[in-house]
N, C-alpha and C. Protein backbone atom coordinates (compact mmCIF):
# COMPACT_ATOMS: atom_id res chain seq x y z
N MET A 1 270.75 268.68 -87.17
CA MET A 1 271.54 267.53 -86.81
C MET A 1 272.10 267.71 -85.41
N ALA A 2 271.93 266.71 -84.56
CA ALA A 2 272.39 266.78 -83.17
C ALA A 2 273.90 266.67 -83.11
N SER A 3 274.46 267.43 -82.21
CA SER A 3 275.91 267.39 -82.00
C SER A 3 276.19 266.54 -80.77
N PHE A 4 276.98 265.51 -80.94
CA PHE A 4 277.32 264.64 -79.83
C PHE A 4 278.61 265.11 -79.17
N PRO A 5 278.69 265.05 -77.85
CA PRO A 5 279.93 265.47 -77.18
C PRO A 5 281.11 264.64 -77.68
N LYS A 6 282.25 265.34 -77.89
CA LYS A 6 283.44 264.68 -78.40
C LYS A 6 284.37 264.31 -77.24
N VAL A 7 284.80 263.05 -77.25
CA VAL A 7 285.73 262.55 -76.26
C VAL A 7 287.02 262.15 -76.97
N LEU A 8 288.14 262.66 -76.49
CA LEU A 8 289.44 262.26 -77.00
C LEU A 8 290.06 261.33 -75.96
N ILE A 9 290.43 260.13 -76.41
CA ILE A 9 291.04 259.14 -75.53
C ILE A 9 292.47 258.90 -76.00
N THR A 10 293.44 259.24 -75.15
CA THR A 10 294.82 258.91 -75.48
C THR A 10 295.03 257.44 -75.10
N GLY A 11 295.85 256.74 -75.86
CA GLY A 11 296.04 255.32 -75.59
C GLY A 11 294.79 254.52 -75.90
N ILE A 12 294.04 254.96 -76.89
CA ILE A 12 292.74 254.36 -77.22
C ILE A 12 292.84 252.90 -77.65
N GLU A 13 293.99 252.49 -78.14
CA GLU A 13 294.11 251.11 -78.62
C GLU A 13 294.70 250.17 -77.58
N GLY A 14 294.88 250.66 -76.35
CA GLY A 14 295.30 249.79 -75.25
C GLY A 14 294.09 249.07 -74.67
N PHE A 15 294.33 248.21 -73.71
CA PHE A 15 293.26 247.39 -73.12
C PHE A 15 292.09 248.23 -72.62
N THR A 16 292.36 249.21 -71.80
CA THR A 16 291.29 250.04 -71.23
C THR A 16 290.65 250.91 -72.31
N GLY A 17 291.47 251.48 -73.19
CA GLY A 17 290.96 252.35 -74.24
C GLY A 17 289.98 251.67 -75.17
N ILE A 18 290.26 250.44 -75.53
CA ILE A 18 289.37 249.68 -76.43
C ILE A 18 287.99 249.53 -75.80
N HIS A 19 287.95 249.13 -74.55
CA HIS A 19 286.67 248.90 -73.87
C HIS A 19 285.95 250.20 -73.55
N LEU A 20 286.70 251.20 -73.11
CA LEU A 20 286.10 252.49 -72.78
C LEU A 20 285.51 253.15 -74.02
N SER A 21 286.22 253.12 -75.12
CA SER A 21 285.73 253.77 -76.34
C SER A 21 284.44 253.11 -76.82
N GLU A 22 284.36 251.80 -76.74
CA GLU A 22 283.14 251.10 -77.15
C GLU A 22 281.97 251.47 -76.23
N TYR A 23 282.21 251.52 -74.93
CA TYR A 23 281.17 251.90 -73.98
C TYR A 23 280.66 253.32 -74.25
N LEU A 24 281.59 254.26 -74.40
CA LEU A 24 281.20 255.65 -74.63
C LEU A 24 280.48 255.83 -75.97
N ARG A 25 280.91 255.09 -76.97
CA ARG A 25 280.24 255.14 -78.28
C ARG A 25 278.78 254.69 -78.14
N LEU A 26 278.55 253.63 -77.38
CA LEU A 26 277.18 253.14 -77.16
C LEU A 26 276.35 254.14 -76.35
N GLU A 27 277.01 254.97 -75.55
CA GLU A 27 276.33 255.99 -74.76
C GLU A 27 276.07 257.27 -75.56
N GLY A 28 276.52 257.30 -76.82
CA GLY A 28 276.21 258.43 -77.69
C GLY A 28 277.31 259.47 -77.85
N PHE A 29 278.49 259.19 -77.35
CA PHE A 29 279.60 260.13 -77.51
C PHE A 29 280.28 259.92 -78.86
N SER A 30 280.86 260.98 -79.36
CA SER A 30 281.68 260.94 -80.57
C SER A 30 283.11 260.69 -80.11
N ILE A 31 283.69 259.57 -80.51
CA ILE A 31 284.98 259.14 -79.98
C ILE A 31 286.12 259.43 -80.95
N TYR A 32 287.19 260.01 -80.41
CA TYR A 32 288.43 260.25 -81.14
C TYR A 32 289.55 259.67 -80.30
N GLY A 33 290.63 259.30 -80.95
CA GLY A 33 291.71 258.70 -80.19
C GLY A 33 293.08 259.14 -80.64
N MET A 34 294.04 258.91 -79.76
CA MET A 34 295.45 259.10 -80.06
C MET A 34 296.14 257.79 -79.74
N SER A 35 297.02 257.38 -80.65
CA SER A 35 297.75 256.13 -80.47
C SER A 35 299.18 256.33 -80.94
N TYR A 36 300.09 255.64 -80.32
CA TYR A 36 301.49 255.71 -80.71
C TYR A 36 301.72 255.00 -82.05
N PHE A 37 300.81 254.08 -82.36
CA PHE A 37 300.93 253.28 -83.58
C PHE A 37 299.88 253.69 -84.61
N PRO A 38 300.14 253.46 -85.89
CA PRO A 38 299.14 253.75 -86.93
C PRO A 38 297.86 252.95 -86.68
N SER A 39 296.74 253.53 -87.08
CA SER A 39 295.44 252.88 -86.88
C SER A 39 294.64 252.89 -88.17
N ASP A 40 293.78 251.90 -88.31
CA ASP A 40 292.86 251.86 -89.45
C ASP A 40 291.66 252.77 -89.23
N ASP A 41 291.44 253.18 -87.99
CA ASP A 41 290.30 254.04 -87.65
C ASP A 41 290.63 255.49 -88.01
N ALA A 42 289.80 256.09 -88.85
CA ALA A 42 290.03 257.47 -89.31
C ALA A 42 289.96 258.49 -88.18
N ARG A 43 289.36 258.12 -87.04
CA ARG A 43 289.26 259.04 -85.91
C ARG A 43 290.33 258.79 -84.85
N THR A 44 291.26 257.90 -85.15
CA THR A 44 292.39 257.66 -84.25
C THR A 44 293.65 258.16 -84.93
N PHE A 45 294.31 259.09 -84.27
CA PHE A 45 295.45 259.78 -84.84
C PHE A 45 296.75 259.28 -84.22
N MET A 46 297.72 258.99 -85.07
CA MET A 46 299.03 258.58 -84.60
C MET A 46 299.69 259.78 -83.94
N CYS A 47 300.20 259.57 -82.72
CA CYS A 47 300.79 260.68 -81.97
C CYS A 47 301.77 260.16 -80.94
N ASP A 48 302.91 260.80 -80.87
CA ASP A 48 303.87 260.55 -79.81
C ASP A 48 303.64 261.65 -78.78
N ILE A 49 303.07 261.30 -77.65
CA ILE A 49 302.69 262.33 -76.67
C ILE A 49 303.88 263.05 -76.06
N THR A 50 305.09 262.55 -76.31
CA THR A 50 306.26 263.29 -75.83
C THR A 50 306.59 264.46 -76.76
N GLN A 51 305.87 264.55 -77.88
CA GLN A 51 306.08 265.63 -78.85
C GLN A 51 304.93 266.63 -78.74
N LEU A 52 305.18 267.74 -78.07
CA LEU A 52 304.14 268.74 -77.78
C LEU A 52 303.40 269.20 -79.03
N GLN A 53 304.10 269.47 -80.11
CA GLN A 53 303.45 269.98 -81.32
C GLN A 53 302.44 268.98 -81.89
N GLN A 54 302.76 267.71 -81.85
CA GLN A 54 301.81 266.69 -82.32
C GLN A 54 300.55 266.70 -81.47
N VAL A 55 300.74 266.76 -80.17
CA VAL A 55 299.60 266.77 -79.24
C VAL A 55 298.75 268.02 -79.46
N LYS A 56 299.40 269.18 -79.56
CA LYS A 56 298.67 270.44 -79.76
C LYS A 56 297.86 270.41 -81.05
N SER A 57 298.44 269.91 -82.11
CA SER A 57 297.77 269.88 -83.40
C SER A 57 296.50 269.03 -83.35
N ILE A 58 296.60 267.87 -82.76
CA ILE A 58 295.44 266.97 -82.68
C ILE A 58 294.34 267.57 -81.81
N ILE A 59 294.71 268.08 -80.65
CA ILE A 59 293.71 268.66 -79.75
C ILE A 59 293.07 269.89 -80.39
N HIS A 60 293.87 270.70 -81.05
CA HIS A 60 293.33 271.89 -81.73
C HIS A 60 292.32 271.48 -82.81
N ASN A 61 292.65 270.48 -83.61
CA ASN A 61 291.77 270.07 -84.70
C ASN A 61 290.49 269.39 -84.23
N ILE A 62 290.58 268.62 -83.17
CA ILE A 62 289.39 267.91 -82.66
C ILE A 62 288.54 268.82 -81.77
N SER A 63 289.17 269.64 -80.97
CA SER A 63 288.50 270.48 -79.99
C SER A 63 287.54 269.64 -79.13
N PRO A 64 288.10 268.69 -78.36
CA PRO A 64 287.25 267.76 -77.60
C PRO A 64 286.53 268.42 -76.43
N ASP A 65 285.37 267.88 -76.11
CA ASP A 65 284.64 268.31 -74.93
C ASP A 65 285.21 267.66 -73.67
N TYR A 66 285.74 266.44 -73.84
CA TYR A 66 286.31 265.67 -72.74
C TYR A 66 287.59 264.99 -73.23
N ILE A 67 288.55 264.85 -72.33
CA ILE A 67 289.76 264.10 -72.64
C ILE A 67 289.96 263.07 -71.54
N ILE A 68 290.22 261.84 -71.95
CA ILE A 68 290.56 260.77 -71.02
C ILE A 68 291.96 260.30 -71.39
N HIS A 69 292.89 260.53 -70.50
CA HIS A 69 294.30 260.25 -70.78
C HIS A 69 294.69 258.89 -70.23
N LEU A 70 294.82 257.92 -71.15
CA LEU A 70 295.20 256.56 -70.78
C LEU A 70 296.58 256.17 -71.30
N ALA A 71 297.17 257.01 -72.15
CA ALA A 71 298.46 256.66 -72.76
C ALA A 71 299.55 256.65 -71.71
N GLY A 72 300.41 255.67 -71.80
CA GLY A 72 301.54 255.60 -70.89
C GLY A 72 302.15 254.21 -70.91
N ILE A 73 303.27 254.11 -70.27
CA ILE A 73 303.94 252.82 -70.13
C ILE A 73 303.60 252.29 -68.75
N SER A 74 302.89 251.18 -68.70
CA SER A 74 302.45 250.64 -67.41
C SER A 74 303.23 249.38 -67.03
N PHE A 75 304.04 248.85 -67.94
CA PHE A 75 304.81 247.64 -67.67
C PHE A 75 305.97 247.98 -66.75
N VAL A 76 305.91 247.51 -65.51
CA VAL A 76 306.89 247.90 -64.50
C VAL A 76 308.31 247.44 -64.85
N ALA A 77 308.44 246.34 -65.55
CA ALA A 77 309.76 245.83 -65.88
C ALA A 77 310.28 246.40 -67.21
N HIS A 78 309.66 247.47 -67.68
CA HIS A 78 310.10 248.10 -68.93
C HIS A 78 311.58 248.44 -68.78
N ASN A 79 312.37 248.16 -69.81
CA ASN A 79 313.82 248.30 -69.69
C ASN A 79 314.34 249.72 -69.90
N ASN A 80 313.49 250.67 -70.23
CA ASN A 80 313.94 252.04 -70.48
C ASN A 80 313.28 252.98 -69.48
N VAL A 81 313.95 253.19 -68.37
CA VAL A 81 313.40 254.03 -67.29
C VAL A 81 313.16 255.45 -67.78
N GLN A 82 314.10 256.01 -68.55
CA GLN A 82 313.92 257.37 -69.08
C GLN A 82 312.69 257.43 -69.98
N GLY A 83 312.45 256.37 -70.76
CA GLY A 83 311.27 256.31 -71.63
C GLY A 83 309.98 256.34 -70.83
N ILE A 84 309.99 255.68 -69.67
CA ILE A 84 308.81 255.69 -68.80
C ILE A 84 308.52 257.12 -68.35
N TYR A 85 309.54 257.83 -67.87
CA TYR A 85 309.35 259.20 -67.41
C TYR A 85 308.96 260.14 -68.56
N SER A 86 309.60 259.97 -69.70
CA SER A 86 309.27 260.82 -70.86
C SER A 86 307.82 260.65 -71.26
N THR A 87 307.40 259.41 -71.35
CA THR A 87 306.03 259.13 -71.79
C THR A 87 305.01 259.49 -70.71
N ASN A 88 305.21 258.97 -69.52
CA ASN A 88 304.20 259.12 -68.47
C ASN A 88 304.15 260.52 -67.86
N VAL A 89 305.30 261.13 -67.68
CA VAL A 89 305.31 262.45 -67.05
C VAL A 89 305.26 263.56 -68.10
N GLN A 90 306.25 263.58 -68.99
CA GLN A 90 306.28 264.66 -70.00
C GLN A 90 305.08 264.57 -70.93
N GLY A 91 304.64 263.36 -71.26
CA GLY A 91 303.46 263.21 -72.11
C GLY A 91 302.23 263.82 -71.48
N THR A 92 302.07 263.62 -70.18
CA THR A 92 300.93 264.20 -69.46
C THR A 92 301.05 265.72 -69.40
N ILE A 93 302.24 266.21 -69.15
CA ILE A 93 302.46 267.67 -69.14
C ILE A 93 302.14 268.25 -70.51
N ASN A 94 302.58 267.58 -71.57
CA ASN A 94 302.29 268.06 -72.93
C ASN A 94 300.79 268.13 -73.18
N LEU A 95 300.08 267.12 -72.76
CA LEU A 95 298.63 267.09 -72.94
C LEU A 95 297.98 268.26 -72.22
N LEU A 96 298.36 268.50 -70.98
CA LEU A 96 297.78 269.60 -70.21
C LEU A 96 298.19 270.96 -70.76
N ASP A 97 299.46 271.09 -71.15
CA ASP A 97 299.91 272.36 -71.75
C ASP A 97 299.15 272.66 -73.04
N ALA A 98 298.93 271.64 -73.86
CA ALA A 98 298.18 271.84 -75.10
C ALA A 98 296.76 272.33 -74.79
N CYS A 99 296.16 271.80 -73.75
CA CYS A 99 294.80 272.22 -73.38
C CYS A 99 294.77 273.66 -72.88
N VAL A 100 295.80 274.06 -72.16
CA VAL A 100 295.87 275.44 -71.65
C VAL A 100 295.86 276.43 -72.81
N GLU A 101 296.48 276.06 -73.92
CA GLU A 101 296.59 276.96 -75.06
C GLU A 101 295.36 276.97 -75.97
N LEU A 102 294.40 276.11 -75.72
CA LEU A 102 293.20 276.06 -76.56
C LEU A 102 292.28 277.24 -76.30
N ASP A 103 291.59 277.70 -77.35
CA ASP A 103 290.55 278.71 -77.18
C ASP A 103 289.35 278.10 -76.48
N LYS A 104 288.98 276.89 -76.89
CA LYS A 104 287.86 276.18 -76.27
C LYS A 104 288.45 275.05 -75.43
N LYS A 105 288.37 275.22 -74.13
CA LYS A 105 288.95 274.23 -73.23
C LYS A 105 287.99 273.06 -73.02
N PRO A 106 288.54 271.84 -72.84
CA PRO A 106 287.66 270.70 -72.53
C PRO A 106 286.91 270.93 -71.22
N GLU A 107 285.72 270.38 -71.15
CA GLU A 107 284.91 270.50 -69.93
C GLU A 107 285.55 269.73 -68.78
N LYS A 108 286.10 268.55 -69.10
CA LYS A 108 286.76 267.71 -68.10
C LYS A 108 287.94 267.00 -68.74
N ILE A 109 288.97 266.76 -67.92
CA ILE A 109 290.12 265.96 -68.30
C ILE A 109 290.30 264.92 -67.20
N ILE A 110 290.36 263.66 -67.61
CA ILE A 110 290.58 262.57 -66.65
C ILE A 110 291.96 261.99 -66.93
N LEU A 111 292.79 261.94 -65.88
CA LEU A 111 294.13 261.40 -66.01
C LEU A 111 294.18 260.06 -65.27
N ALA A 112 294.47 258.99 -66.00
CA ALA A 112 294.63 257.68 -65.37
C ALA A 112 296.09 257.54 -64.99
N SER A 113 296.36 256.78 -63.95
CA SER A 113 297.73 256.61 -63.50
C SER A 113 297.90 255.21 -62.94
N SER A 114 299.14 254.74 -63.03
CA SER A 114 299.41 253.42 -62.43
C SER A 114 300.51 253.54 -61.40
């Protein structure tokens, strides 16, 4: 049985994540996701990226070949400035720290930013 490269997409249920995951699936990748909200998709895991242990657990269990980080708050008029920094900055740091601790490191990590 052929093994397809695994891609973990944070923010998979956002606008970009929905389209990217469908494209990559059609290209033959095995798609996994992280979302702040519960999902009906068994390969999408609920995760608050500001919580390092949650991020580490998911990355450890999936052991992705690639990570595409799309999770974040992009709405400029968001009323919680601290929430923006916690999610966008600390969430990204948590994702990278979790990868540093893996035995099998992803081949590539793509960080999207606004």
